Amino acid sequence: MVYFVIAFIFILQYNIPLFHISSFPVIPDLLFSFILFASFKYSRSKILIVAFLLSLIQDFQINFDMIGSITFSNLTAIYIFSSILLLKNSTVRNLILYLIIFVVLAFKYLIFYSILSFGKDISILTIANAIAVQSFLTISVVAIVNEMILPNKILK
Protein backbone atom coordinates (compact mmCIF):
# COMPACT_ATOMS: atom_id res chain seq x y z
CA MET A 1 0.00 0.00 0.00
CA VAL A 2 2.82 2.42 0.84
CA TYR A 3 4.47 1.79 -2.53
CA PHE A 4 1.19 2.59 -4.27
CA VAL A 5 0.88 5.85 -2.33
CA ILE A 6 4.46 6.85 -3.19
CA ALA A 7 3.91 6.05 -6.87
CA PHE A 8 0.65 8.01 -6.85
CA ILE A 9 2.38 10.98 -5.21
CA PHE A 10 5.16 10.96 -7.82
CA ILE A 11 2.60 10.83 -10.65
CA LEU A 12 0.45 13.56 -9.09
CA GLN A 13 3.45 15.75 -8.23
CA TYR A 14 4.51 16.00 -11.86
CA ASN A 15 1.02 16.51 -13.27
CA ILE A 16 0.11 19.50 -11.11
CA PRO A 17 0.59 22.65 -13.18
CA LEU A 18 3.33 24.82 -11.77
CA PHE A 19 3.72 28.55 -11.95
CA HIS A 20 6.79 30.71 -11.73
CA ILE A 21 7.75 33.57 -9.45
CA SER A 22 10.48 35.27 -11.42
CA SER A 23 12.49 32.25 -12.56
CA PHE A 24 11.57 29.99 -9.62
CA PRO A 25 9.12 27.13 -10.17
CA VAL A 26 6.47 26.97 -7.45
CA ILE A 27 4.36 23.89 -6.76
CA PRO A 28 3.11 22.19 -3.57
CA ASP A 29 5.63 19.60 -2.46
CA LEU A 30 3.45 16.50 -2.10
CA LEU A 31 6.42 14.19 -1.56
CA PHE A 32 7.65 16.27 1.36
CA SER A 33 4.11 16.25 2.81
CA PHE A 34 4.11 12.44 2.63
CA ILE A 35 7.53 12.26 4.31
CA LEU A 36 6.29 14.66 6.98
CA PHE A 37 3.31 12.44 7.79
CA ALA A 38 5.51 9.33 7.74
CA SER A 39 7.82 10.94 10.30
CA PHE A 40 5.05 10.52 12.89
CA LYS A 41 4.90 6.77 12.31
CA TYR A 42 8.50 5.69 11.77
CA SER A 43 11.72 6.18 13.70
CA ARG A 44 14.03 9.07 12.99
CA SER A 45 16.70 6.97 11.28
CA LYS A 46 14.20 5.17 9.03
CA ILE A 47 12.48 8.36 7.96
CA LEU A 48 15.81 10.05 7.17
CA ILE A 49 16.79 7.11 4.95
CA VAL A 50 13.40 7.15 3.21
CA ALA A 51 13.57 10.94 2.83
CA PHE A 52 17.05 10.65 1.32
CA LEU A 53 16.05 8.01 -1.22
CA LEU A 54 12.76 9.62 -2.28
CA SER A 55 14.29 13.09 -2.45
CA LEU A 56 17.18 11.81 -4.53
CA ILE A 57 14.70 10.29 -6.98
CA GLN A 58 12.88 13.61 -7.06
CA ASP A 59 16.19 15.39 -7.67
CA PHE A 60 16.93 13.19 -10.68
CA GLN A 61 13.46 13.77 -12.11
CA ILE A 62 13.02 17.50 -11.51
CA ASN A 63 16.32 19.15 -10.81
CA PHE A 64 18.87 17.27 -12.87
CA ASP A 65 21.17 20.27 -13.32
CA MET A 66 21.61 20.73 -9.55
CA ILE A 67 21.35 17.22 -8.13
CA GLY A 68 21.25 17.19 -4.36
CA SER A 69 19.51 20.51 -3.71
CA ILE A 70 16.09 18.97 -3.03
CA THR A 71 17.68 16.09 -1.11
CA PHE A 72 19.72 18.39 1.10
CA SER A 73 16.82 20.74 1.86
CA ASN A 74 14.40 17.85 2.55
CA LEU A 75 16.86 16.05 4.83
CA THR A 76 17.62 19.22 6.77
CA ALA A 77 13.93 20.00 7.23
CA ILE A 78 12.99 16.44 8.25
CA TYR A 79 15.90 16.28 10.70
CA ILE A 80 14.77 19.53 12.35
CA PHE A 81 11.14 18.41 12.39
CA SER A 82 11.94 14.98 13.83
CA SER A 83 14.03 16.67 16.53
CA ILE A 84 11.03 18.80 17.46
CA LEU A 85 8.83 15.69 17.57
CA LEU A 86 11.08 14.30 20.28
CA LEU A 87 9.75 16.97 22.66
CA LYS A 88 7.75 15.33 25.40
CA ASN A 89 5.58 18.33 26.28
CA SER A 90 2.55 17.45 24.16
CA THR A 91 0.60 20.62 25.06
CA VAL A 92 3.24 22.89 23.58
CA ARG A 93 3.81 20.56 20.65
CA ASN A 94 0.12 20.36 19.77
CA LEU A 95 -0.51 24.09 20.04
CA ILE A 96 2.26 25.18 17.71
CA LEU A 97 2.69 22.18 15.40
CA TYR A 98 1.39 23.89 12.26
CA LEU A 99 3.53 26.93 13.00
CA ILE A 100 6.57 24.72 13.47
CA ILE A 101 5.85 22.93 10.18
CA PHE A 102 5.53 26.28 8.41
CA VAL A 103 8.84 27.52 9.84
CA VAL A 104 10.58 24.25 8.89
CA LEU A 105 9.12 24.53 5.38
CA ALA A 106 10.30 28.13 5.07
CA PHE A 107 13.78 27.04 6.15
CA LYS A 108 13.70 24.15 3.66
CA TYR A 109 12.75 26.44 0.79
CA LEU A 110 15.28 29.05 1.90
CA ILE A 111 18.01 26.44 1.47
CA PHE A 112 16.56 25.21 -1.82
CA TYR A 113 16.04 28.62 -3.42
CA SER A 114 19.42 29.86 -2.15
CA ILE A 115 21.12 26.97 -3.92
CA LEU A 116 18.95 27.50 -7.00
CA SER A 117 19.69 31.23 -7.21
CA PHE A 118 23.42 30.99 -6.52
CA GLY A 119 25.31 33.04 -9.07
CA LYS A 120 22.16 34.57 -10.56
CA ASP A 121 21.07 38.19 -10.29
CA ILE A 122 17.80 37.72 -8.38
CA SER A 123 16.50 40.04 -5.68
CA ILE A 124 16.02 38.92 -2.11
CA LEU A 125 12.39 40.05 -2.29
CA THR A 126 11.73 37.64 -5.16
CA ILE A 127 13.34 34.80 -3.22
CA ALA A 128 11.31 35.69 -0.10
CA ASN A 129 8.12 35.78 -2.16
CA ALA A 130 8.85 32.35 -3.66
CA ILE A 131 9.65 30.94 -0.19
CA ALA A 132 6.41 32.30 1.29
CA VAL A 133 4.20 31.05 -1.55
CA GLN A 134 5.87 27.61 -1.66
CA SER A 135 5.63 27.21 2.13
CA PHE A 136 1.99 28.29 2.16
CA LEU A 137 1.08 25.86 -0.63
CA THR A 138 2.78 22.93 1.07
CA ILE A 139 1.36 23.69 4.55
CA SER A 140 -2.08 23.94 2.90
CA VAL A 141 -1.66 20.45 1.46
CA VAL A 142 -0.60 19.15 4.88
CA ALA A 143 -3.58 20.80 6.60
CA ILE A 144 -6.10 19.59 4.01
CA VAL A 145 -4.81 16.02 4.15
CA ASN A 146 -4.73 16.04 7.95
CA GLU A 147 -8.12 17.69 8.53
CA MET A 148 -10.22 16.27 5.70
CA ILE A 149 -8.70 13.06 4.35
CA LEU A 150 -7.11 11.16 7.23
CA PRO A 151 -9.62 9.40 9.49
CA ASN A 152 -7.41 9.78 12.57
CA LYS A 153 -5.75 13.14 12.53
CA ILE A 154 -2.00 12.79 12.82
CA LEU A 155 -1.44 16.44 13.68
CA LYS A 156 -3.55 16.88 16.78
C-alpha atoms as a PDB file:
ATOM      1  CA  MET A   1       0.000   0.000   0.000  1.00  0.00           C
ATOM      2  CA  VAL A   2       2.823   2.417   0.840  1.00  0.00           C
ATOM      3  CA  TYR A   3       4.466   1.794  -2.530  1.00  0.00           C
ATOM      4  CA  PHE A   4       1.190   2.586  -4.266  1.00  0.00           C
ATOM      5  CA  VAL A   5       0.876   5.855  -2.326  1.00  0.00           C
ATOM      6  CA  ILE A   6       4.456   6.846  -3.188  1.00  0.00           C
ATOM      7  CA  ALA A   7       3.907   6.052  -6.875  1.00  0.00           C
ATOM      8  CA  PHE A   8       0.646   8.006  -6.849  1.00  0.00           C
ATOM      9  CA  ILE A   9       2.378  10.981  -5.213  1.00  0.00           C
ATOM     10  CA  PHE A  10       5.156  10.965  -7.823  1.00  0.00           C
ATOM     11  CA  ILE A  11       2.595  10.831 -10.650  1.00  0.00           C
ATOM     12  CA  LEU A  12       0.447  13.557  -9.094  1.00  0.00           C
ATOM     13  CA  GLN A  13       3.449  15.749  -8.232  1.00  0.00           C
ATOM     14  CA  TYR A  14       4.514  15.996 -11.862  1.00  0.00           C
ATOM     15  CA  ASN A  15       1.022  16.508 -13.271  1.00  0.00           C
ATOM     16  CA  ILE A  16       0.115  19.500 -11.113  1.00  0.00           C
ATOM     17  CA  PRO A  17       0.593  22.646 -13.179  1.00  0.00           C
ATOM     18  CA  LEU A  18       3.331  24.825 -11.775  1.00  0.00           C
ATOM     19  CA  PHE A  19       3.721  28.547 -11.947  1.00  0.00           C
ATOM     20  CA  HIS A  20       6.794  30.707 -11.727  1.00  0.00           C
ATOM     21  CA  ILE A  21       7.749  33.568  -9.447  1.00  0.00           C
ATOM     22  CA  SER A  22      10.477  35.270 -11.421  1.00  0.00           C
ATOM     23  CA  SER A  23      12.485  32.246 -12.561  1.00  0.00           C
ATOM     24  CA  PHE A  24      11.568  29.992  -9.616  1.00  0.00           C
ATOM     25  CA  PRO A  25       9.125  27.132 -10.172  1.00  0.00           C
ATOM     26  CA  VAL A  26       6.467  26.975  -7.445  1.00  0.00           C
ATOM     27  CA  ILE A  27       4.357  23.885  -6.757  1.00  0.00           C
ATOM     28  CA  PRO A  28       3.106  22.192  -3.572  1.00  0.00           C
ATOM     29  CA  ASP A  29       5.634  19.596  -2.463  1.00  0.00           C
ATOM     30  CA  LEU A  30       3.451  16.497  -2.104  1.00  0.00           C
ATOM     31  CA  LEU A  31       6.415  14.189  -1.562  1.00  0.00           C
ATOM     32  CA  PHE A  32       7.649  16.272   1.357  1.00  0.00           C
ATOM     33  CA  SER A  33       4.110  16.252   2.811  1.00  0.00           C
ATOM     34  CA  PHE A  34       4.112  12.438   2.628  1.00  0.00           C
ATOM     35  CA  ILE A  35       7.528  12.262   4.306  1.00  0.00           C
ATOM     36  CA  LEU A  36       6.293  14.664   6.982  1.00  0.00           C
ATOM     37  CA  PHE A  37       3.308  12.438   7.794  1.00  0.00           C
ATOM     38  CA  ALA A  38       5.511   9.332   7.735  1.00  0.00           C
ATOM     39  CA  SER A  39       7.815  10.939  10.304  1.00  0.00           C
ATOM     40  CA  PHE A  40       5.051  10.516  12.893  1.00  0.00           C
ATOM     41  CA  LYS A  41       4.904   6.769  12.308  1.00  0.00           C
ATOM     42  CA  TYR A  42       8.505   5.691  11.773  1.00  0.00           C
ATOM     43  CA  SER A  43      11.721   6.181  13.704  1.00  0.00           C
ATOM     44  CA  ARG A  44      14.029   9.070  12.989  1.00  0.00           C
ATOM     45  CA  SER A  45      16.695   6.970  11.284  1.00  0.00           C
ATOM     46  CA  LYS A  46      14.196   5.168   9.026  1.00  0.00           C
ATOM     47  CA  ILE A  47      12.478   8.360   7.963  1.00  0.00           C
ATOM     48  CA  LEU A  48      15.806  10.045   7.171  1.00  0.00           C
ATOM     49  CA  ILE A  49      16.793   7.114   4.946  1.00  0.00           C
ATOM     50  CA  VAL A  50      13.395   7.145   3.207  1.00  0.00           C
ATOM     51  CA  ALA A  51      13.570  10.940   2.827  1.00  0.00           C
ATOM     52  CA  PHE A  52      17.051  10.648   1.323  1.00  0.00           C
ATOM     53  CA  LEU A  53      16.045   8.005  -1.224  1.00  0.00           C
ATOM     54  CA  LEU A  54      12.759   9.616  -2.278  1.00  0.00           C
ATOM     55  CA  SER A  55      14.291  13.092  -2.447  1.00  0.00           C
ATOM     56  CA  LEU A  56      17.179  11.811  -4.531  1.00  0.00           C
ATOM     57  CA  ILE A  57      14.695  10.286  -6.983  1.00  0.00           C
ATOM     58  CA  GLN A  58      12.876  13.610  -7.060  1.00  0.00           C
ATOM     59  CA  ASP A  59      16.195  15.394  -7.673  1.00  0.00           C
ATOM     60  CA  PHE A  60      16.932  13.192 -10.679  1.00  0.00           C
ATOM     61  CA  GLN A  61      13.456  13.772 -12.112  1.00  0.00           C
ATOM     62  CA  ILE A  62      13.023  17.504 -11.507  1.00  0.00           C
ATOM     63  CA  ASN A  63      16.319  19.146 -10.811  1.00  0.00           C
ATOM     64  CA  PHE A  64      18.866  17.265 -12.867  1.00  0.00           C
ATOM     65  CA  ASP A  65      21.174  20.266 -13.317  1.00  0.00           C
ATOM     66  CA  MET A  66      21.611  20.732  -9.545  1.00  0.00           C
ATOM     67  CA  ILE A  67      21.354  17.220  -8.133  1.00  0.00           C
ATOM     68  CA  GLY A  68      21.246  17.189  -4.363  1.00  0.00           C
ATOM     69  CA  SER A  69      19.508  20.505  -3.709  1.00  0.00           C
ATOM     70  CA  ILE A  70      16.090  18.968  -3.029  1.00  0.00           C
ATOM     71  CA  THR A  71      17.677  16.094  -1.113  1.00  0.00           C
ATOM     72  CA  PHE A  72      19.716  18.395   1.100  1.00  0.00           C
ATOM     73  CA  SER A  73      16.819  20.742   1.857  1.00  0.00           C
ATOM     74  CA  ASN A  74      14.403  17.855   2.550  1.00  0.00           C
ATOM     75  CA  LEU A  75      16.861  16.052   4.833  1.00  0.00           C
ATOM     76  CA  THR A  76      17.616  19.221   6.765  1.00  0.00           C
ATOM     77  CA  ALA A  77      13.926  20.004   7.229  1.00  0.00           C
ATOM     78  CA  ILE A  78      12.993  16.439   8.245  1.00  0.00           C
ATOM     79  CA  TYR A  79      15.902  16.283  10.698  1.00  0.00           C
ATOM     80  CA  ILE A  80      14.771  19.529  12.346  1.00  0.00           C
ATOM     81  CA  PHE A  81      11.137  18.414  12.391  1.00  0.00           C
ATOM     82  CA  SER A  82      11.944  14.977  13.829  1.00  0.00           C
ATOM     83  CA  SER A  83      14.027  16.672  16.525  1.00  0.00           C
ATOM     84  CA  ILE A  84      11.027  18.798  17.455  1.00  0.00           C
ATOM     85  CA  LEU A  85       8.829  15.685  17.566  1.00  0.00           C
ATOM     86  CA  LEU A  86      11.078  14.296  20.281  1.00  0.00           C
ATOM     87  CA  LEU A  87       9.750  16.973  22.658  1.00  0.00           C
ATOM     88  CA  LYS A  88       7.751  15.327  25.404  1.00  0.00           C
ATOM     89  CA  ASN A  89       5.577  18.332  26.279  1.00  0.00           C
ATOM     90  CA  SER A  90       2.550  17.455  24.165  1.00  0.00           C
ATOM     91  CA  THR A  91       0.596  20.623  25.056  1.00  0.00           C
ATOM     92  CA  VAL A  92       3.243  22.892  23.578  1.00  0.00           C
ATOM     93  CA  ARG A  93       3.810  20.555  20.650  1.00  0.00           C
ATOM     94  CA  ASN A  94       0.122  20.356  19.772  1.00  0.00           C
ATOM     95  CA  LEU A  95      -0.512  24.090  20.036  1.00  0.00           C
ATOM     96  CA  ILE A  96       2.261  25.176  17.708  1.00  0.00           C
ATOM     97  CA  LEU A  97       2.690  22.184  15.401  1.00  0.00           C
ATOM     98  CA  TYR A  98       1.391  23.889  12.260  1.00  0.00           C
ATOM     99  CA  LEU A  99       3.534  26.935  12.999  1.00  0.00           C
ATOM    100  CA  ILE A 100       6.572  24.715  13.470  1.00  0.00           C
ATOM    101  CA  ILE A 101       5.849  22.928  10.185  1.00  0.00           C
ATOM    102  CA  PHE A 102       5.530  26.280   8.407  1.00  0.00           C
ATOM    103  CA  VAL A 103       8.844  27.520   9.839  1.00  0.00           C
ATOM    104  CA  VAL A 104      10.579  24.253   8.890  1.00  0.00           C
ATOM    105  CA  LEU A 105       9.120  24.527   5.379  1.00  0.00           C
ATOM    106  CA  ALA A 106      10.296  28.132   5.071  1.00  0.00           C
ATOM    107  CA  PHE A 107      13.782  27.040   6.147  1.00  0.00           C
ATOM    108  CA  LYS A 108      13.701  24.150   3.661  1.00  0.00           C
ATOM    109  CA  TYR A 109      12.747  26.438   0.792  1.00  0.00           C
ATOM    110  CA  LEU A 110      15.278  29.049   1.904  1.00  0.00           C
ATOM    111  CA  ILE A 111      18.008  26.440   1.470  1.00  0.00           C
ATOM    112  CA  PHE A 112      16.555  25.209  -1.822  1.00  0.00           C
ATOM    113  CA  TYR A 113      16.042  28.625  -3.416  1.00  0.00           C
ATOM    114  CA  SER A 114      19.416  29.860  -2.154  1.00  0.00           C
ATOM    115  CA  ILE A 115      21.118  26.972  -3.919  1.00  0.00           C
ATOM    116  CA  LEU A 116      18.948  27.496  -6.996  1.00  0.00           C
ATOM    117  CA  SER A 117      19.694  31.233  -7.213  1.00  0.00           C
ATOM    118  CA  PHE A 118      23.420  30.993  -6.519  1.00  0.00           C
ATOM    119  CA  GLY A 119      25.306  33.045  -9.069  1.00  0.00           C
ATOM    120  CA  LYS A 120      22.157  34.574 -10.556  1.00  0.00           C
ATOM    121  CA  ASP A 121      21.067  38.194 -10.294  1.00  0.00           C
ATOM    122  CA  ILE A 122      17.798  37.718  -8.381  1.00  0.00           C
ATOM    123  CA  SER A 123      16.499  40.036  -5.676  1.00  0.00           C
ATOM    124  CA  ILE A 124      16.018  38.924  -2.105  1.00  0.00           C
ATOM    125  CA  LEU A 125      12.390  40.054  -2.286  1.00  0.00           C
ATOM    126  CA  THR A 126      11.734  37.642  -5.164  1.00  0.00           C
ATOM    127  CA  ILE A 127      13.342  34.796  -3.220  1.00  0.00           C
ATOM    128  CA  ALA A 128      11.313  35.691  -0.099  1.00  0.00           C
ATOM    129  CA  ASN A 129       8.124  35.784  -2.160  1.00  0.00           C
ATOM    130  CA  ALA A 130       8.846  32.349  -3.659  1.00  0.00           C
ATOM    131  CA  ILE A 131       9.647  30.939  -0.192  1.00  0.00           C
ATOM    132  CA  ALA A 132       6.409  32.302   1.294  1.00  0.00           C
ATOM    133  CA  VAL A 133       4.198  31.054  -1.552  1.00  0.00           C
ATOM    134  CA  GLN A 134       5.867  27.615  -1.659  1.00  0.00           C
ATOM    135  CA  SER A 135       5.627  27.211   2.132  1.00  0.00           C
ATOM    136  CA  PHE A 136       1.990  28.292   2.159  1.00  0.00           C
ATOM    137  CA  LEU A 137       1.080  25.863  -0.635  1.00  0.00           C
ATOM    138  CA  THR A 138       2.780  22.932   1.072  1.00  0.00           C
ATOM    139  CA  ILE A 139       1.357  23.687   4.545  1.00  0.00           C
ATOM    140  CA  SER A 140      -2.082  23.938   2.902  1.00  0.00           C
ATOM    141  CA  VAL A 141      -1.665  20.446   1.460  1.00  0.00           C
ATOM    142  CA  VAL A 142      -0.596  19.150   4.881  1.00  0.00           C
ATOM    143  CA  ALA A 143      -3.577  20.802   6.598  1.00  0.00           C
ATOM    144  CA  ILE A 144      -6.098  19.588   4.006  1.00  0.00           C
ATOM    145  CA  VAL A 145      -4.813  16.017   4.153  1.00  0.00           C
ATOM    146  CA  ASN A 146      -4.733  16.041   7.950  1.00  0.00           C
ATOM    147  CA  GLU A 147      -8.117  17.687   8.533  1.00  0.00           C
ATOM    148  CA  MET A 148     -10.216  16.270   5.698  1.00  0.00           C
ATOM    149  CA  ILE A 149      -8.697  13.060   4.351  1.00  0.00           C
ATOM    150  CA  LEU A 150      -7.107  11.157   7.233  1.00  0.00           C
ATOM    151  CA  PRO A 151      -9.618   9.396   9.493  1.00  0.00           C
ATOM    152  CA  ASN A 152      -7.415   9.778  12.575  1.00  0.00           C
ATOM    153  CA  LYS A 153      -5.754  13.138  12.527  1.00  0.00           C
ATOM    154  CA  ILE A 154      -2.001  12.788  12.821  1.00  0.00           C
ATOM    155  CA  LEU A 155      -1.442  16.442  13.679  1.00  0.00           C
ATOM    156  CA  LYS A 156      -3.547  16.885  16.783  1.00  0.00           C
END
